[in-house]
Amino acid sequence: MSGDVLLATYLNDHHAAAVAATELARRVAAEQRGSPDGEPLRRLALDVEEDLLVLRGIMAALDVPVRGTRRVRPGSRRSSAG
């Protein structure tokens, strides 16, 4: 496998995790809105989303396309095989 393919795979794996983290951070922040932890969690969600946007910028600068990400429900199991 070439270095370009390995880098694209790594960046897309990182992107998939960043999308999941962004969705989770948003959901937790929304659930805690109005609580003492609500505002810090809202800021954290914004930081996580900013990191995702930076990653997308890096991928674009390197001409690495974003592959589609699969959504997996929390707690569900997905086989890593084919």
C-alpha atoms as a PDB file:
ATOM      1  CA  MET A   1       0.000   0.000   0.000  1.00  0.00           C
ATOM      2  CA  SER A   2       1.310   3.432  -0.863  1.00  0.00           C
ATOM      3  CA  GLY A   3       1.863   6.164   1.678  1.00  0.00           C
ATOM      4  CA  ASP A   4      -0.928   8.219   0.094  1.00  0.00           C
ATOM      5  CA  VAL A   5      -3.430   5.415   0.572  1.00  0.00           C
ATOM      6  CA  LEU A   6      -2.317   4.874   4.161  1.00  0.00           C
ATOM      7  CA  LEU A   7      -2.583   8.595   4.925  1.00  0.00           C
ATOM      8  CA  ALA A   8      -6.049   8.789   3.357  1.00  0.00           C
ATOM      9  CA  THR A   9      -7.156   5.771   5.386  1.00  0.00           C
ATOM     10  CA  TYR A  10      -5.780   7.271   8.599  1.00  0.00           C
ATOM     11  CA  LEU A  11      -7.384  10.661   7.973  1.00  0.00           C
ATOM     12  CA  ASN A  12     -10.747   9.123   7.109  1.00  0.00           C
ATOM     13  CA  ASP A  13     -10.673   6.935  10.214  1.00  0.00           C
ATOM     14  CA  HIS A  14      -9.855  10.031  12.251  1.00  0.00           C
ATOM     15  CA  HIS A  15     -12.676  11.892  10.504  1.00  0.00           C
ATOM     16  CA  ALA A  16     -15.193   9.170  11.358  1.00  0.00           C
ATOM     17  CA  ALA A  17     -14.187   9.347  15.026  1.00  0.00           C
ATOM     18  CA  ALA A  18     -14.339  13.150  14.975  1.00  0.00           C
ATOM     19  CA  VAL A  19     -17.863  13.091  13.515  1.00  0.00           C
ATOM     20  CA  ALA A  20     -18.971  10.696  16.254  1.00  0.00           C
ATOM     21  CA  ALA A  21     -17.308  12.807  18.943  1.00  0.00           C
ATOM     22  CA  THR A  22     -18.960  15.964  17.606  1.00  0.00           C
ATOM     23  CA  GLU A  23     -22.398  14.357  17.621  1.00  0.00           C
ATOM     24  CA  LEU A  24     -21.884  13.001  21.131  1.00  0.00           C
ATOM     25  CA  ALA A  25     -20.608  16.314  22.482  1.00  0.00           C
ATOM     26  CA  ARG A  26     -23.588  18.158  20.996  1.00  0.00           C
ATOM     27  CA  ARG A  27     -26.050  15.654  22.441  1.00  0.00           C
ATOM     28  CA  VAL A  28     -24.519  15.750  25.925  1.00  0.00           C
ATOM     29  CA  ALA A  29     -24.403  19.561  25.878  1.00  0.00           C
ATOM     30  CA  ALA A  30     -28.061  19.726  24.842  1.00  0.00           C
ATOM     31  CA  GLU A  31     -29.095  17.256  27.549  1.00  0.00           C
ATOM     32  CA  GLN A  32     -27.269  19.291  30.200  1.00  0.00           C
ATOM     33  CA  ARG A  33     -28.534  22.706  29.058  1.00  0.00           C
ATOM     34  CA  GLY A  34     -29.607  24.671  32.114  1.00  0.00           C
ATOM     35  CA  SER A  35     -27.552  22.578  34.529  1.00  0.00           C
ATOM     36  CA  PRO A  36     -24.347  23.790  36.199  1.00  0.00           C
ATOM     37  CA  ASP A  37     -22.384  21.748  33.642  1.00  0.00           C
ATOM     38  CA  GLY A  38     -24.375  23.017  30.662  1.00  0.00           C
ATOM     39  CA  GLU A  39     -22.207  25.977  29.664  1.00  0.00           C
ATOM     40  CA  PRO A  40     -18.834  24.190  29.934  1.00  0.00           C
ATOM     41  CA  LEU A  41     -20.267  21.296  27.923  1.00  0.00           C
ATOM     42  CA  ARG A  42     -21.601  23.694  25.289  1.00  0.00           C
ATOM     43  CA  ARG A  43     -18.116  25.217  24.924  1.00  0.00           C
ATOM     44  CA  LEU A  44     -16.570  21.750  24.756  1.00  0.00           C
ATOM     45  CA  ALA A  45     -19.009  20.787  21.976  1.00  0.00           C
ATOM     46  CA  LEU A  46     -17.966  23.906  20.037  1.00  0.00           C
ATOM     47  CA  ASP A  47     -14.277  23.038  20.489  1.00  0.00           C
ATOM     48  CA  VAL A  48     -14.827  19.476  19.288  1.00  0.00           C
ATOM     49  CA  GLU A  49     -16.739  20.764  16.260  1.00  0.00           C
ATOM     50  CA  GLU A  50     -13.933  23.230  15.502  1.00  0.00           C
ATOM     51  CA  ASP A  51     -11.434  20.354  15.576  1.00  0.00           C
ATOM     52  CA  LEU A  52     -13.583  18.490  13.033  1.00  0.00           C
ATOM     53  CA  LEU A  53     -13.612  21.531  10.756  1.00  0.00           C
ATOM     54  CA  VAL A  54      -9.820  21.867  11.022  1.00  0.00           C
ATOM     55  CA  LEU A  55      -9.432  18.185  10.102  1.00  0.00           C
ATOM     56  CA  ARG A  56     -11.664  18.693   7.066  1.00  0.00           C
ATOM     57  CA  GLY A  57      -9.506  21.643   6.046  1.00  0.00           C
ATOM     58  CA  ILE A  58      -6.360  19.543   6.341  1.00  0.00           C
ATOM     59  CA  MET A  59      -7.940  16.800   4.264  1.00  0.00           C
ATOM     60  CA  ALA A  60      -8.993  19.299   1.599  1.00  0.00           C
ATOM     61  CA  ALA A  61      -5.519  20.840   1.491  1.00  0.00           C
ATOM     62  CA  LEU A  62      -4.047  17.373   0.946  1.00  0.00           C
ATOM     63  CA  ASP A  63      -6.712  16.471  -1.645  1.00  0.00           C
ATOM     64  CA  VAL A  64      -7.922  13.597   0.526  1.00  0.00           C
ATOM     65  CA  PRO A  65     -11.645  13.050  -0.082  1.00  0.00           C
ATOM     66  CA  VAL A  66     -13.914  12.400   2.872  1.00  0.00           C
ATOM     67  CA  ARG A  67     -15.392   8.925   2.571  1.00  0.00           C
ATOM     68  CA  GLY A  68     -18.938   8.407   3.768  1.00  0.00           C
ATOM     69  CA  THR A  69     -19.203   7.582   7.434  1.00  0.00           C
ATOM     70  CA  ARG A  70     -21.518   4.929   8.771  1.00  0.00           C
ATOM     71  CA  ARG A  71     -23.699   5.754  11.718  1.00  0.00           C
ATOM     72  CA  VAL A  72     -23.693   3.146  14.430  1.00  0.00           C
ATOM     73  CA  ARG A  73     -26.087   3.374  17.334  1.00  0.00           C
ATOM     74  CA  PRO A  74     -24.311   3.586  20.700  1.00  0.00           C
ATOM     75  CA  GLY A  75     -24.182   0.161  22.260  1.00  0.00           C
ATOM     76  CA  SER A  76     -24.710  -1.680  18.974  1.00  0.00           C
ATOM     77  CA  ARG A  77     -22.095  -4.041  17.620  1.00  0.00           C
ATOM     78  CA  ARG A  78     -20.805  -3.878  14.101  1.00  0.00           C
ATOM     79  CA  SER A  79     -18.594  -6.503  12.589  1.00  0.00           C
ATOM     80  CA  SER A  80     -15.295  -5.264  11.241  1.00  0.00           C
ATOM     81  CA  ALA A  81     -15.419  -7.925   8.543  1.00  0.00           C
ATOM     82  CA  GLY A  82     -16.442  -6.893   5.014  1.00  0.00           C
END
